[in-house]
C-alpha atoms as a PDB file:
ATOM      1  CA  MET A   1      76.191  94.163 127.676  1.00  0.00           C
ATOM      2  CA  HIS A   2      78.582  91.288 128.028  1.00  0.00           C
ATOM      3  CA  GLU A   3      81.395  91.393 125.425  1.00  0.00           C
ATOM      4  CA  SER A   4      81.924  88.274 123.387  1.00  0.00           C
ATOM      5  CA  ILE A   5      84.963  88.315 120.955  1.00  0.00           C
ATOM      6  CA  VAL A   6      85.501  85.772 118.362  1.00  0.00           C
ATOM      7  CA  ILE A   7      88.824  85.166 116.651  1.00  0.00           C
ATOM      8  CA  ILE A   8      88.496  83.198 113.440  1.00  0.00           C
ATOM      9  CA  GLY A   9      91.672  81.517 112.167  1.00  0.00           C
ATOM     10  CA  ALA A  10      92.970  81.292 115.742  1.00  0.00           C
ATOM     11  CA  GLY A  11      95.195  78.275 114.935  1.00  0.00           C
ATOM     12  CA  SER A  12      98.038  80.708 114.108  1.00  0.00           C
ATOM     13  CA  ALA A  13      99.222  80.533 117.669  1.00  0.00           C
ATOM     14  CA  MET A  14     101.915  83.205 117.554  1.00  0.00           C
ATOM     15  CA  PHE A  15      99.375  85.671 115.882  1.00  0.00           C
ATOM     16  CA  THR A  16      96.819  84.837 118.261  1.00  0.00           C
ATOM     17  CA  ARG A  17      99.168  85.141 121.181  1.00  0.00           C
ATOM     18  CA  GLY A  18      99.699  88.893 120.178  1.00  0.00           C
ATOM     19  CA  LEU A  19      95.966  89.587 120.064  1.00  0.00           C
ATOM     20  CA  VAL A  20      95.163  87.774 123.344  1.00  0.00           C
ATOM     21  CA  ALA A  21      98.095  89.652 125.096  1.00  0.00           C
ATOM     22  CA  ASP A  22      96.413  92.903 123.852  1.00  0.00           C
ATOM     23  CA  LEU A  23      93.055  91.737 125.132  1.00  0.00           C
ATOM     24  CA  LEU A  24      94.592  90.889 128.586  1.00  0.00           C
ATOM     25  CA  GLN A  25      95.887  94.422 128.824  1.00  0.00           C
ATOM     26  CA  ARG A  26      92.244  95.636 129.030  1.00  0.00           C
ATOM     27  CA  ASN A  27      91.623  93.229 132.162  1.00  0.00           C
ATOM     28  CA  ARG A  28      87.789  93.510 131.489  1.00  0.00           C
ATOM     29  CA  PRO A  29      85.333  90.622 131.641  1.00  0.00           C
ATOM     30  CA  CYS A  30      84.501  88.989 128.340  1.00  0.00           C
ATOM     31  CA  THR A  31      83.965  85.724 126.523  1.00  0.00           C
ATOM     32  CA  LEU A  32      86.763  84.925 124.023  1.00  0.00           C
ATOM     33  CA  SER A  33      85.966  82.261 121.431  1.00  0.00           C
ATOM     34  CA  LEU A  34      88.827  80.833 119.209  1.00  0.00           C
ATOM     35  CA  VAL A  35      87.890  79.244 115.739  1.00  0.00           C
ATOM     36  CA  ASP A  36      90.045  77.297 113.475  1.00  0.00           C
ATOM     37  CA  CYS A  37      89.291  74.501 111.219  1.00  0.00           C
ATOM     38  CA  ASP A  38      92.320  72.659 111.911  1.00  0.00           C
ATOM     39  CA  ALA A  39      91.743  70.768 115.137  1.00  0.00           C
ATOM     40  CA  ASP A  40      95.444  70.383 116.174  1.00  0.00           C
ATOM     41  CA  ALA A  41      96.393  74.004 115.574  1.00  0.00           C
ATOM     42  CA  LEU A  42      93.212  75.061 117.605  1.00  0.00           C
ATOM     43  CA  ALA A  43      94.036  72.746 120.436  1.00  0.00           C
ATOM     44  CA  VAL A  44      97.529  74.480 120.595  1.00  0.00           C
ATOM     45  CA  ALA A  45      96.068  77.943 120.524  1.00  0.00           C
ATOM     46  CA  GLU A  46      93.435  77.057 122.996  1.00  0.00           C
ATOM     47  CA  GLY A  47      96.082  75.695 125.552  1.00  0.00           C
ATOM     48  CA  MET A  48      98.200  78.663 125.127  1.00  0.00           C
ATOM     49  CA  THR A  49      95.505  81.087 125.527  1.00  0.00           C
ATOM     50  CA  ARG A  50      94.363  79.259 128.585  1.00  0.00           C
ATOM     51  CA  LYS A  51      97.686  79.510 130.274  1.00  0.00           C
ATOM     52  CA  MET A  52      98.066  83.199 129.346  1.00  0.00           C
ATOM     53  CA  ILE A  53      94.496  83.926 130.874  1.00  0.00           C
ATOM     54  CA  ALA A  54      95.444  81.840 134.096  1.00  0.00           C
ATOM     55  CA  ALA A  55      98.781  83.607 134.438  1.00  0.00           C
ATOM     56  CA  ARG A  56      96.997  87.005 134.474  1.00  0.00           C
ATOM     57  CA  ARG A  57      93.938  85.753 136.347  1.00  0.00           C
ATOM     58  CA  ALA A  58      92.031  87.646 133.807  1.00  0.00           C
ATOM     59  CA  PRO A  59      88.250  87.570 133.905  1.00  0.00           C
ATOM     60  CA  ILE A  60      88.047  86.000 130.561  1.00  0.00           C
ATOM     61  CA  THR A  61      85.824  83.025 129.798  1.00  0.00           C
ATOM     62  CA  LEU A  62      87.553  80.943 126.918  1.00  0.00           C
ATOM     63  CA  ARG A  63      85.806  78.914 124.200  1.00  0.00           C
ATOM     64  CA  ALA A  64      87.055  77.046 121.147  1.00  0.00           C
ATOM     65  CA  ALA A  65      85.160  75.856 118.113  1.00  0.00           C
ATOM     66  CA  MET A  66      85.874  74.279 114.763  1.00  0.00           C
ATOM     67  CA  ASP A  67      82.775  75.757 113.275  1.00  0.00           C
ATOM     68  CA  ARG A  68      82.145  79.371 113.487  1.00  0.00           C
ATOM     69  CA  ARG A  69      78.446  79.057 113.510  1.00  0.00           C
ATOM     70  CA  ASP A  70      78.783  77.679 117.032  1.00  0.00           C
ATOM     71  CA  VAL A  71      80.157  80.932 118.525  1.00  0.00           C
ATOM     72  CA  LEU A  72      79.009  83.754 116.061  1.00  0.00           C
ATOM     73  CA  PRO A  73      75.443  84.242 117.287  1.00  0.00           C
ATOM     74  CA  SER A  74      76.652  85.737 120.740  1.00  0.00           C
ATOM     75  CA  ALA A  75      79.553  87.718 119.242  1.00  0.00           C
ATOM     76  CA  THR A  76      79.938  91.437 119.812  1.00  0.00           C
ATOM     77  CA  ALA A  77      83.127  91.613 117.815  1.00  0.00           C
ATOM     78  CA  VAL A  78      84.543  89.207 115.209  1.00  0.00           C
ATOM     79  CA  ILE A  79      88.400  89.344 114.264  1.00  0.00           C
ATOM     80  CA  CYS A  80      89.276  87.290 111.127  1.00  0.00           C
ATOM     81  CA  THR A  81      92.886  86.208 110.717  1.00  0.00           C
ATOM     82  CA  ILE A  82      92.617  83.516 108.201  1.00  0.00           C
ATOM     83  CA  GLY A  83      95.806  82.810 106.479  1.00  0.00           C
ATOM     84  CA  VAL A  84      95.297  82.830 102.624  1.00  0.00           C
ATOM     85  CA  GLY A  85      97.321  79.970 101.325  1.00  0.00           C
ATOM     86  CA  GLY A  86      97.627  78.310 104.776  1.00  0.00           C
ATOM     87  CA  ARG A  87     100.815  77.198 106.289  1.00  0.00           C
ATOM     88  CA  ARG A  88     102.594  76.739 103.075  1.00  0.00           C
ATOM     89  CA  ALA A  89     102.252  80.392 102.214  1.00  0.00           C
ATOM     90  CA  GLN A  90     103.394  81.345 105.663  1.00  0.00           C
ATOM     91  CA  ARG A  91     106.437  79.209 105.230  1.00  0.00           C
ATOM     92  CA  GLN A  92     107.199  80.934 101.916  1.00  0.00           C
ATOM     93  CA  ALA A  93     106.972  84.290 103.583  1.00  0.00           C
ATOM     94  CA  GLN A  94     109.176  83.339 106.243  1.00  0.00           C
ATOM     95  CA  ALA A  95     111.845  82.280 103.714  1.00  0.00           C
ATOM     96  CA  LYS A  96     111.449  85.619 101.995  1.00  0.00           C
ATOM     97  CA  GLN A  97     111.931  87.107 105.431  1.00  0.00           C
ATOM     98  CA  ARG A  98     115.243  85.449 105.916  1.00  0.00           C
ATOM     99  CA  GLN A  99     116.391  86.052 102.258  1.00  0.00           C
ATOM    100  CA  ARG A 100     115.853  89.721 102.699  1.00  0.00           C
ATOM    101  CA  GLY A 101     117.131  90.021 106.216  1.00  0.00           C
ATOM    102  CA  ILE A 102     113.849  91.635 107.340  1.00  0.00           C
ATOM    103  CA  GLN A 103     113.415  92.252 111.109  1.00  0.00           C
ATOM    104  CA  GLU A 104     110.785  90.187 113.036  1.00  0.00           C
ATOM    105  CA  GLU A 105     108.607  93.110 113.687  1.00  0.00           C
ATOM    106  CA  ALA A 106     108.547  94.275 110.074  1.00  0.00           C
ATOM    107  CA  PHE A 107     108.029  90.734 108.866  1.00  0.00           C
ATOM    108  CA  HIS A 108     104.705  90.382 110.812  1.00  0.00           C
ATOM    109  CA  VAL A 109     103.451  93.600 109.302  1.00  0.00           C
ATOM    110  CA  ARG A 110     104.446  92.503 105.713  1.00  0.00           C
ATOM    111  CA  LEU A 111     103.077  89.015 106.521  1.00  0.00           C
ATOM    112  CA  LEU A 112      99.803  90.638 107.091  1.00  0.00           C
ATOM    113  CA  GLU A 113      99.860  92.635 104.186  1.00  0.00           C
ATOM    114  CA  ASP A 114     100.795  89.633 101.923  1.00  0.00           C
ATOM    115  CA  HIS A 115      98.876  86.775 103.319  1.00  0.00           C
ATOM    116  CA  PHE A 116      96.221  87.788 105.955  1.00  0.00           C
ATOM    117  CA  SER A 117      92.953  89.260 105.909  1.00  0.00           C
ATOM    118  CA  LEU A 118      92.446  91.161 109.242  1.00  0.00           C
ATOM    119  CA  PHE A 119      89.162  92.986 109.652  1.00  0.00           C
ATOM    120  CA  THR A 120      86.199  93.164 112.024  1.00  0.00           C
ATOM    121  CA  LEU A 121      83.139  91.272 110.720  1.00  0.00           C
ATOM    122  CA  HIS A 122      80.664  92.417 113.361  1.00  0.00           C
ATOM    123  CA  SER A 123      80.699  94.936 116.041  1.00  0.00           C
ATOM    124  CA  PRO A 124      78.186  97.280 117.537  1.00  0.00           C
ATOM    125  CA  LEU A 125      80.826 100.020 117.307  1.00  0.00           C
ATOM    126  CA  PHE A 126      82.358  99.287 113.710  1.00  0.00           C
ATOM    127  CA  THR A 127      81.481  97.131 110.733  1.00  0.00           C
ATOM    128  CA  SER A 128      83.780  97.069 107.829  1.00  0.00           C
ATOM    129  CA  ALA A 129      82.179  97.902 104.370  1.00  0.00           C
ATOM    130  CA  GLN A 130      84.135  95.225 102.853  1.00  0.00           C
ATOM    131  CA  SER A 131      83.088  92.409 105.331  1.00  0.00           C
ATOM    132  CA  PRO A 132      80.882  89.588 103.903  1.00  0.00           C
ATOM    133  CA  PRO A 133      77.662  89.030 105.657  1.00  0.00           C
ATOM    134  CA  ILE A 134      77.557  86.562 108.522  1.00  0.00           C
ATOM    135  CA  GLU A 135      75.665  83.602 107.514  1.00  0.00           C
END
């Protein structure tokens, strides 16, 4: 079966970069679909991901969509990284980081705990009991 991975909320380019870097380490053929409702953020994430794939000559087919329904039917795994509160909440979290002198790595873990929901919605190997049904 061909693997098809969807990242919802991919417009957060820095977070997406880390996920894509991990995916590139596997060096296995797949389709990677990036989804974000912000067209500008999606374009940045898509361009960055395309460069990363090309640099590694990875066997990954890249797609980008603003509507998750365009890519979910073929998904074998879905990663949801939607930022609760959007960019404003992220800026506030970064301000807290600076105030508290938190190291970058610890900040990302804390940012995930405070502002992001990261879970698999659909996968043949794992389905989170807390995941909402895919419409």
